[in-house]
Amino acid sequence: MPRPPITQVQRARRRLLVAAGVLGVPPLLGRLPAAAATSNTVIDAACVLSPAMTEGPYFVDEKLDRSDLVAGSNRAGVVQGLPLLLRIDLRNVAVANCPPVAGMQVDIWHCDAVGEYSDVSAGNAPSGAKGQSFLRGYQVSGADGRVAFRTIYPGWYPGRTIHIHVKARAFDGAGNRAFEFTTQLFFDDAISDVVMADAPYNTRGTRRIRNANERMDPDQTAAFVKIARAPDGARGYVANATLGLLRETRKV
C-alpha cells in the first residue's frame, strides 16, 4: 500500500528540525522494538517536535497539584496495579539547543489496571467513579524542565492500545491560558504483554488492539516511552519521555 502524502504540518516540522540543526535526530523515530525498550536504549529526543494528539473524552480539569496519583484510592484496579514512575522532560524546539521549559503545568490522566477512568460518567467509567480522581494530576516543571509522577502501568479498554494522556499548559500573570499542547504516550507491546499477564490486568482477557492496530500518523510513533525495570529490585517500571514543544509559536 503506498504511503500517504506528507502533510503541510509534517513538512513544517521537518523544516523546523533542519533549521534547529538536528538532522542527526530523525523526526519520525518509529516504534521502539522490544529489545531496545527492554534494554532501556537511550534515544536523544530533546530536539524532536512531539506529535499533537487528541485529548479524548476523559479529560477532567481537576486542578490536582500532586505527583502521587495512586494515594487516596482504595480501588483494586489502582492499588493493585503495577507501580510506574513516569518522568517527562519538556524541551523547547523553537530555540537553539532545545533548552528545558520551566513553569509548564503538565497534567496526565489514564485508565486503571482494568481499563476504567475516574470522574467521568460515560464510556469507560466504573459505577461510582464520578467524584473520584484516581490516576489524575499535574506537576509544574522546574528549571530542569522535568515533571515526575508516581502512578501505575495503564490497563487497556476496547478500541485503544495502552496509553497515557498528557496536556502541557502555561498561563499568563492574569491566569489566562497562553499555551496548550496535548498528546499521548505509548508503551512497547512486548513489555505490556508481560504486565497484562498478571493480576489484576489479566481479569480482562486478551487485549485486541495493539500498537500496530492503533490509527497513528507516522510522527505519532515518536511518542513511545523509554522504559526499564525499577532499580534495586523494586516492583514496577520507570518510564521516561520527552516532549518537544514549539513554545514560542504554539499560542492559544
C-alpha atoms as a PDB file:
ATOM      1  CA  MET A   1       0.000   0.000   0.000  1.00  0.00           C
ATOM      2  CA  PRO A   2       1.522   3.396  -0.936  1.00  0.00           C
ATOM      3  CA  ARG A   3       2.415   5.704   1.897  1.00  0.00           C
ATOM      4  CA  PRO A   4       0.077   8.687   2.405  1.00  0.00           C
ATOM      5  CA  PRO A   5       1.391  12.039   1.182  1.00  0.00           C
ATOM      6  CA  ILE A   6       3.295  14.183   3.645  1.00  0.00           C
ATOM      7  CA  THR A   7       1.056  16.885   5.070  1.00  0.00           C
ATOM      8  CA  GLN A   8       1.932  20.564   5.311  1.00  0.00           C
ATOM      9  CA  VAL A   9       2.233  20.193   9.090  1.00  0.00           C
ATOM     10  CA  GLN A  10       4.772  17.393   8.679  1.00  0.00           C
ATOM     11  CA  ARG A  11       6.756  19.447   6.154  1.00  0.00           C
ATOM     12  CA  ALA A  12       6.798  22.374   8.589  1.00  0.00           C
ATOM     13  CA  ARG A  13       8.069  20.106  11.352  1.00  0.00           C
ATOM     14  CA  ARG A  14      10.867  18.852   9.136  1.00  0.00           C
ATOM     15  CA  ARG A  15      11.872  22.398   8.187  1.00  0.00           C
ATOM     16  CA  LEU A  16      11.979  23.302  11.871  1.00  0.00           C
ATOM     17  CA  LEU A  17      14.284  20.395  12.630  1.00  0.00           C
ATOM     18  CA  VAL A  18      16.581  21.372   9.781  1.00  0.00           C
ATOM     19  CA  ALA A  19      16.695  24.965  10.991  1.00  0.00           C
ATOM     20  CA  ALA A  20      17.498  23.784  14.524  1.00  0.00           C
ATOM     21  CA  GLY A  21      20.466  21.818  13.213  1.00  0.00           C
ATOM     22  CA  VAL A  22      19.261  18.435  14.426  1.00  0.00           C
ATOM     23  CA  LEU A  23      19.386  16.475  11.184  1.00  0.00           C
ATOM     24  CA  GLY A  24      21.034  13.647  13.085  1.00  0.00           C
ATOM     25  CA  VAL A  25      17.817  13.039  15.021  1.00  0.00           C
ATOM     26  CA  PRO A  26      15.085  11.827  12.648  1.00  0.00           C
ATOM     27  CA  PRO A  27      11.653  13.371  13.255  1.00  0.00           C
ATOM     28  CA  LEU A  28       9.936  10.056  12.581  1.00  0.00           C
ATOM     29  CA  LEU A  29      11.520   7.715  15.090  1.00  0.00           C
ATOM     30  CA  GLY A  30       9.224   4.748  14.603  1.00  0.00           C
ATOM     31  CA  ARG A  31       8.173   2.288  17.287  1.00  0.00           C
ATOM     32  CA  LEU A  32      10.787   1.081  19.697  1.00  0.00           C
ATOM     33  CA  PRO A  33      11.488  -2.615  19.137  1.00  0.00           C
ATOM     34  CA  ALA A  34      11.057  -4.826  22.171  1.00  0.00           C
ATOM     35  CA  ALA A  35      14.800  -5.404  22.521  1.00  0.00           C
ATOM     36  CA  ALA A  36      15.523  -1.695  22.510  1.00  0.00           C
ATOM     37  CA  ALA A  37      12.836  -0.929  25.042  1.00  0.00           C
ATOM     38  CA  THR A  38      13.739  -3.677  27.469  1.00  0.00           C
ATOM     39  CA  SER A  39      17.424  -2.734  27.384  1.00  0.00           C
ATOM     40  CA  ASN A  40      16.489   0.926  28.010  1.00  0.00           C
ATOM     41  CA  THR A  41      18.266   2.131  24.867  1.00  0.00           C
ATOM     42  CA  VAL A  42      18.627   5.910  25.030  1.00  0.00           C
ATOM     43  CA  ILE A  43      17.254   7.875  22.077  1.00  0.00           C
ATOM     44  CA  ASP A  44      18.008  11.595  22.135  1.00  0.00           C
ATOM     45  CA  ALA A  45      14.574  13.109  21.545  1.00  0.00           C
ATOM     46  CA  ALA A  46      15.293  16.506  23.092  1.00  0.00           C
ATOM     47  CA  CYS A  47      15.025  18.354  19.761  1.00  0.00           C
ATOM     48  CA  VAL A  48      12.251  16.311  18.160  1.00  0.00           C
ATOM     49  CA  LEU A  49       8.885  18.035  17.884  1.00  0.00           C
ATOM     50  CA  SER A  50       6.309  15.889  19.690  1.00  0.00           C
ATOM     51  CA  PRO A  51       3.145  14.998  17.793  1.00  0.00           C
ATOM     52  CA  ALA A  52      -0.076  16.635  18.922  1.00  0.00           C
ATOM     53  CA  MET A  53      -2.828  14.093  19.563  1.00  0.00           C
ATOM     54  CA  THR A  54      -6.478  14.136  20.508  1.00  0.00           C
ATOM     55  CA  GLU A  55      -7.461  14.958  24.076  1.00  0.00           C
ATOM     56  CA  GLY A  56     -10.061  12.212  24.050  1.00  0.00           C
ATOM     57  CA  PRO A  57     -13.324  12.099  26.010  1.00  0.00           C
ATOM     58  CA  TYR A  58     -11.897  11.566  29.505  1.00  0.00           C
ATOM     59  CA  PHE A  59     -10.035  14.769  30.393  1.00  0.00           C
ATOM     60  CA  VAL A  60     -11.295  16.490  33.546  1.00  0.00           C
ATOM     61  CA  ASP A  61      -9.537  19.656  34.700  1.00  0.00           C
ATOM     62  CA  GLU A  62      -9.261  18.501  38.303  1.00  0.00           C
ATOM     63  CA  LYS A  63      -6.596  21.089  39.245  1.00  0.00           C
ATOM     64  CA  LEU A  64      -4.874  18.467  41.393  1.00  0.00           C
ATOM     65  CA  ASP A  65      -1.311  19.553  42.115  1.00  0.00           C
ATOM     66  CA  ARG A  66       0.190  16.206  43.083  1.00  0.00           C
ATOM     67  CA  SER A  67       2.825  13.760  41.949  1.00  0.00           C
ATOM     68  CA  ASP A  68       1.358  10.618  43.570  1.00  0.00           C
ATOM     69  CA  LEU A  69      -1.704   9.666  41.527  1.00  0.00           C
ATOM     70  CA  VAL A  70      -2.412   6.476  43.490  1.00  0.00           C
ATOM     71  CA  ALA A  71      -2.589   7.790  47.051  1.00  0.00           C
ATOM     72  CA  GLY A  72      -6.069   8.093  48.499  1.00  0.00           C
ATOM     73  CA  SER A  73      -7.710   5.463  46.303  1.00  0.00           C
ATOM     74  CA  ASN A  74      -8.878   2.070  47.523  1.00  0.00           C
ATOM     75  CA  ARG A  75      -9.921   0.717  44.136  1.00  0.00           C
ATOM     76  CA  ALA A  76      -8.388  -2.662  43.341  1.00  0.00           C
ATOM     77  CA  GLY A  77      -7.665  -1.533  39.774  1.00  0.00           C
ATOM     78  CA  VAL A  78      -5.493   1.237  41.221  1.00  0.00           C
ATOM     79  CA  VAL A  79      -3.824  -0.062  44.383  1.00  0.00           C
ATOM     80  CA  GLN A  80      -3.106  -3.484  42.848  1.00  0.00           C
ATOM     81  CA  GLY A  81      -1.719  -2.013  39.636  1.00  0.00           C
ATOM     82  CA  LEU A  82       1.965  -2.333  38.801  1.00  0.00           C
ATOM     83  CA  PRO A  83       3.876   0.755  40.060  1.00  0.00           C
ATOM     84  CA  LEU A  84       5.151   3.103  37.379  1.00  0.00           C
ATOM     85  CA  LEU A  85       7.383   6.131  37.849  1.00  0.00           C
ATOM     86  CA  LEU A  86       6.817   8.394  34.840  1.00  0.00           C
ATOM     87  CA  ARG A  87       9.313  11.191  34.200  1.00  0.00           C
ATOM     88  CA  ILE A  88       8.631  13.734  31.461  1.00  0.00           C
ATOM     89  CA  ASP A  89      11.208  16.235  30.184  1.00  0.00           C
ATOM     90  CA  LEU A  90       9.961  19.327  28.357  1.00  0.00           C
ATOM     91  CA  ARG A  91      12.177  20.938  25.710  1.00  0.00           C
ATOM     92  CA  ASN A  92      11.635  23.994  23.533  1.00  0.00           C
ATOM     93  CA  VAL A  93      12.427  23.035  19.936  1.00  0.00           C
ATOM     94  CA  ALA A  94      11.841  26.626  18.784  1.00  0.00           C
ATOM     95  CA  VAL A  95      15.126  27.713  20.418  1.00  0.00           C
ATOM     96  CA  ALA A  96      18.675  26.657  19.569  1.00  0.00           C
ATOM     97  CA  ASN A  97      19.893  23.642  21.558  1.00  0.00           C
ATOM     98  CA  CYS A  98      16.319  22.948  22.727  1.00  0.00           C
ATOM     99  CA  PRO A  99      16.569  24.201  26.323  1.00  0.00           C
ATOM    100  CA  PRO A 100      14.340  22.920  29.145  1.00  0.00           C
ATOM    101  CA  VAL A 101      10.911  24.519  29.535  1.00  0.00           C
ATOM    102  CA  ALA A 102      10.269  25.721  33.083  1.00  0.00           C
ATOM    103  CA  GLY A 103       6.922  26.760  34.558  1.00  0.00           C
ATOM    104  CA  MET A 104       4.804  24.447  32.409  1.00  0.00           C
ATOM    105  CA  GLN A 105       1.791  22.770  34.037  1.00  0.00           C
ATOM    106  CA  VAL A 106       1.719  19.154  32.906  1.00  0.00           C
ATOM    107  CA  ASP A 107      -1.443  17.102  33.504  1.00  0.00           C
ATOM    108  CA  ILE A 108      -1.576  13.369  32.956  1.00  0.00           C
ATOM    109  CA  TRP A 109      -4.560  11.045  33.122  1.00  0.00           C
ATOM    110  CA  HIS A 110      -5.099   7.413  32.219  1.00  0.00           C
ATOM    111  CA  CYS A 111      -7.217   4.374  32.974  1.00  0.00           C
ATOM    112  CA  ASP A 112      -6.577   1.949  35.830  1.00  0.00           C
ATOM    113  CA  ALA A 113      -5.480  -1.676  35.559  1.00  0.00           C
ATOM    114  CA  VAL A 114      -8.938  -2.801  34.443  1.00  0.00           C
ATOM    115  CA  GLY A 115      -9.421  -0.060  31.849  1.00  0.00           C
ATOM    116  CA  GLU A 116     -11.533   2.398  33.838  1.00  0.00           C
ATOM    117  CA  TYR A 117     -11.213   6.180  34.237  1.00  0.00           C
ATOM    118  CA  SER A 118     -12.095   8.295  37.247  1.00  0.00           C
ATOM    119  CA  ASP A 119     -14.604  11.165  37.438  1.00  0.00           C
ATOM    120  CA  VAL A 120     -16.426  10.533  34.163  1.00  0.00           C
ATOM    121  CA  SER A 121     -19.938   9.258  33.715  1.00  0.00           C
ATOM    122  CA  ALA A 122     -19.877   7.611  30.295  1.00  0.00           C
ATOM    123  CA  GLY A 123     -17.797   5.228  28.239  1.00  0.00           C
ATOM    124  CA  ASN A 124     -15.038   3.515  30.230  1.00  0.00           C
ATOM    125  CA  ALA A 125     -16.305   4.750  33.580  1.00  0.00           C
ATOM    126  CA  PRO A 126     -16.951   2.404  36.518  1.00  0.00           C
ATOM    127  CA  SER A 127     -20.035   2.817  38.659  1.00  0.00           C
ATOM    128  CA  GLY A 128     -19.373   5.254  41.467  1.00  0.00           C
ATOM    129  CA  ALA A 129     -16.299   6.794  39.829  1.00  0.00           C
ATOM    130  CA  LYS A 130     -17.903  10.225  39.490  1.00  0.00           C
ATOM    131  CA  GLY A 131     -16.307  12.453  42.089  1.00  0.00           C
ATOM    132  CA  GLN A 132     -13.201  10.279  42.379  1.00  0.00           C
ATOM    133  CA  SER A 133      -9.901  11.417  40.925  1.00  0.00           C
ATOM    134  CA  PHE A 134      -7.600   8.409  40.794  1.00  0.00           C
ATOM    135  CA  LEU A 135      -4.785   8.470  38.228  1.00  0.00           C
ATOM    136  CA  ARG A 136      -5.151  12.187  37.514  1.00  0.00           C
ATOM    137  CA  GLY A 137      -2.977  15.125  38.491  1.00  0.00           C
ATOM    138  CA  TYR A 138      -0.474  17.738  37.414  1.00  0.00           C
ATOM    139  CA  GLN A 139       3.015  18.971  38.224  1.00  0.00           C
ATOM    140  CA  VAL A 140       4.767  22.198  37.186  1.00  0.00           C
ATOM    141  CA  SER A 141       8.153  21.831  35.517  1.00  0.00           C
ATOM    142  CA  GLY A 142      11.159  23.325  37.309  1.00  0.00           C
ATOM    143  CA  ALA A 143      14.300  24.856  35.893  1.00  0.00           C
ATOM    144  CA  ASP A 144      15.338  21.433  34.562  1.00  0.00           C
ATOM    145  CA  GLY A 145      12.093  21.167  32.567  1.00  0.00           C
ATOM    146  CA  ARG A 146      11.117  17.933  34.309  1.00  0.00           C
ATOM    147  CA  VAL A 147       7.993  16.614  35.996  1.00  0.00           C
ATOM    148  CA  ALA A 148       7.535  13.200  37.594  1.00  0.00           C
ATOM    149  CA  PHE A 149       4.524  11.125  38.616  1.00  0.00           C
ATOM    150  CA  ARG A 150       4.082   8.008  40.710  1.00  0.00           C
ATOM    151  CA  THR A 151       1.269   6.096  39.085  1.00  0.00           C
ATOM    152  CA  ILE A 152       0.589   2.579  37.732  1.00  0.00           C
ATOM    153  CA  TYR A 153       1.082   0.871  34.400  1.00  0.00           C
ATOM    154  CA  PRO A 154      -2.162   1.588  32.490  1.00  0.00           C
ATOM    155  CA  GLY A 155      -4.559  -1.152  31.531  1.00  0.00           C
ATOM    156  CA  TRP A 156      -6.478  -1.337  28.279  1.00  0.00           C
ATOM    157  CA  TYR A 157     -10.037  -0.850  27.090  1.00  0.00           C
ATOM    158  CA  PRO A 158     -11.809  -1.720  23.825  1.00  0.00           C
ATOM    159  CA  GLY A 159     -10.701   0.198  20.760  1.00  0.00           C
ATOM    160  CA  ARG A 160      -7.389   1.553  22.083  1.00  0.00           C
ATOM    161  CA  THR A 161      -3.846   0.416  22.648  1.00  0.00           C
ATOM    162  CA  ILE A 162      -2.270   1.089  26.061  1.00  0.00           C
ATOM    163  CA  HIS A 163      -1.566   4.805  26.543  1.00  0.00           C
ATOM    164  CA  ILE A 164      -1.307   7.809  28.879  1.00  0.00           C
ATOM    165  CA  HIS A 165      -2.788  11.225  28.073  1.00  0.00           C
ATOM    166  CA  VAL A 166      -0.628  14.337  28.576  1.00  0.00           C
ATOM    167  CA  LYS A 167      -1.544  18.022  28.461  1.00  0.00           C
ATOM    168  CA  ALA A 168       1.045  20.812  28.875  1.00  0.00           C
ATOM    169  CA  ARG A 169      -0.198  24.333  29.606  1.00  0.00           C
ATOM    170  CA  ALA A 170       1.226  27.715  30.526  1.00  0.00           C
ATOM    171  CA  PHE A 171      -0.679  30.668  31.964  1.00  0.00           C
ATOM    172  CA  ASP A 172      -0.025  34.390  31.947  1.00  0.00           C
ATOM    173  CA  GLY A 173       0.070  36.649  35.004  1.00  0.00           C
ATOM    174  CA  ALA A 174      -3.714  37.049  34.925  1.00  0.00           C
ATOM    175  CA  GLY A 175      -4.254  33.298  34.936  1.00  0.00           C
ATOM    176  CA  ASN A 176      -5.251  33.151  31.278  1.00  0.00           C
ATOM    177  CA  ARG A 177      -4.069  30.226  29.208  1.00  0.00           C
ATOM    178  CA  ALA A 178      -1.159  31.285  26.996  1.00  0.00           C
ATOM    179  CA  PHE A 179      -0.048  27.899  25.651  1.00  0.00           C
ATOM    180  CA  GLU A 180      -1.535  24.424  25.353  1.00  0.00           C
ATOM    181  CA  PHE A 181      -0.242  21.177  23.895  1.00  0.00           C
ATOM    182  CA  THR A 182      -1.971  17.779  24.141  1.00  0.00           C
ATOM    183  CA  THR A 183      -0.532  14.394  23.262  1.00  0.00           C
ATOM    184  CA  GLN A 184      -0.404  10.737  24.324  1.00  0.00           C
ATOM    185  CA  LEU A 185       2.365   8.362  25.368  1.00  0.00           C
ATOM    186  CA  PHE A 186       2.588   4.703  24.350  1.00  0.00           C
ATOM    187  CA  PHE A 187       4.269   1.543  25.639  1.00  0.00           C
ATOM    188  CA  ASP A 188       6.188  -1.270  23.979  1.00  0.00           C
ATOM    189  CA  ASP A 189       3.852  -4.200  23.272  1.00  0.00           C
ATOM    190  CA  ALA A 190       6.336  -6.814  24.492  1.00  0.00           C
ATOM    191  CA  ILE A 191       6.519  -5.205  27.925  1.00  0.00           C
ATOM    192  CA  SER A 192       2.764  -4.664  28.017  1.00  0.00           C
ATOM    193  CA  ASP A 193       2.222  -8.368  27.283  1.00  0.00           C
ATOM    194  CA  VAL A 194       4.237  -9.272  30.382  1.00  0.00           C
ATOM    195  CA  VAL A 195       2.319  -6.800  32.548  1.00  0.00           C
ATOM    196  CA  MET A 196      -1.095  -7.825  31.200  1.00  0.00           C
ATOM    197  CA  ALA A 197      -0.427 -11.464  32.090  1.00  0.00           C
ATOM    198  CA  ASP A 198      -0.602 -10.747  35.836  1.00  0.00           C
ATOM    199  CA  ALA A 199      -3.459  -9.753  38.134  1.00  0.00           C
ATOM    200  CA  PRO A 200      -5.397  -7.542  38.137  1.00  0.00           C
ATOM    201  CA  TYR A 201      -4.678  -6.838  34.453  1.00  0.00           C
ATOM    202  CA  ASN A 202      -5.407 -10.434  33.387  1.00  0.00           C
ATOM    203  CA  THR A 203      -9.009 -10.298  34.590  1.00  0.00           C
ATOM    204  CA  ARG A 204      -9.996  -8.622  31.304  1.00  0.00           C
ATOM    205  CA  GLY A 205      -8.934 -11.353  28.909  1.00  0.00           C
ATOM    206  CA  THR A 206      -6.710 -10.771  25.886  1.00  0.00           C
ATOM    207  CA  ARG A 207      -6.444  -7.234  24.560  1.00  0.00           C
ATOM    208  CA  ARG A 208      -7.307  -6.971  20.883  1.00  0.00           C
ATOM    209  CA  ILE A 209      -5.829  -3.582  19.987  1.00  0.00           C
ATOM    210  CA  ARG A 210      -2.046  -3.419  19.891  1.00  0.00           C
ATOM    211  CA  ASN A 211       0.254  -0.644  18.748  1.00  0.00           C
ATOM    212  CA  ALA A 212       0.206  -1.907  15.166  1.00  0.00           C
ATOM    213  CA  ASN A 213      -3.596  -1.592  15.142  1.00  0.00           C
ATOM    214  CA  GLU A 214      -3.655   1.939  16.555  1.00  0.00           C
ATOM    215  CA  ARG A 215      -4.539   4.591  13.996  1.00  0.00           C
ATOM    216  CA  MET A 216      -1.286   6.542  14.290  1.00  0.00           C
ATOM    217  CA  ASP A 217       0.176   9.078  11.895  1.00  0.00           C
ATOM    218  CA  PRO A 218       3.841   8.371  11.126  1.00  0.00           C
ATOM    219  CA  ASP A 219       5.101  11.060  13.522  1.00  0.00           C
ATOM    220  CA  GLN A 220       2.914   9.780  16.367  1.00  0.00           C
ATOM    221  CA  THR A 221       5.088   6.705  16.718  1.00  0.00           C
ATOM    222  CA  ALA A 222       7.754   9.010  18.198  1.00  0.00           C
ATOM    223  CA  ALA A 223       5.659   9.190  21.380  1.00  0.00           C
ATOM    224  CA  PHE A 224       6.848   5.909  22.912  1.00  0.00           C
ATOM    225  CA  VAL A 225       8.290   5.995  26.410  1.00  0.00           C
ATOM    226  CA  LYS A 226      11.717   4.564  27.181  1.00  0.00           C
ATOM    227  CA  ILE A 227      11.109   2.054  29.917  1.00  0.00           C
ATOM    228  CA  ALA A 228      13.136  -0.067  32.308  1.00  0.00           C
ATOM    229  CA  ARG A 229      12.617  -2.162  35.414  1.00  0.00           C
ATOM    230  CA  ALA A 230      12.555  -0.236  38.688  1.00  0.00           C
ATOM    231  CA  PRO A 231      16.022  -0.137  40.296  1.00  0.00           C
ATOM    232  CA  ASP A 232      17.233  -2.202  43.261  1.00  0.00           C
ATOM    233  CA  GLY A 233      14.741  -4.982  42.664  1.00  0.00           C
ATOM    234  CA  ALA A 234      11.715  -2.828  43.423  1.00  0.00           C
ATOM    235  CA  ARG A 235       8.395  -3.834  41.859  1.00  0.00           C
ATOM    236  CA  GLY A 236       7.369  -1.971  38.740  1.00  0.00           C
ATOM    237  CA  TYR A 237       8.894   0.151  35.988  1.00  0.00           C
ATOM    238  CA  VAL A 238      10.474   3.531  35.352  1.00  0.00           C
ATOM    239  CA  ALA A 239       9.390   5.289  32.140  1.00  0.00           C
ATOM    240  CA  ASN A 240      10.967   8.369  30.563  1.00  0.00           C
ATOM    241  CA  ALA A 241       9.508  10.592  27.874  1.00  0.00           C
ATOM    242  CA  THR A 242      10.499  13.878  26.236  1.00  0.00           C
ATOM    243  CA  LEU A 243       8.046  16.471  24.973  1.00  0.00           C
ATOM    244  CA  GLY A 244       9.483  18.694  22.268  1.00  0.00           C
ATOM    245  CA  LEU A 245       7.346  21.848  22.302  1.00  0.00           C
ATOM    246  CA  LEU A 246       7.104  24.827  19.952  1.00  0.00           C
ATOM    247  CA  ARG A 247       6.966  27.134  22.950  1.00  0.00           C
ATOM    248  CA  GLU A 248       7.274  30.416  21.062  1.00  0.00           C
ATOM    249  CA  THR A 249       4.767  29.737  18.298  1.00  0.00           C
ATOM    250  CA  ARG A 250       2.009  27.455  19.604  1.00  0.00           C
ATOM    251  CA  LYS A 251      -0.239  30.063  21.224  1.00  0.00           C
ATOM    252  CA  VAL A 252      -3.964  29.856  22.002  1.00  0.00           C
END
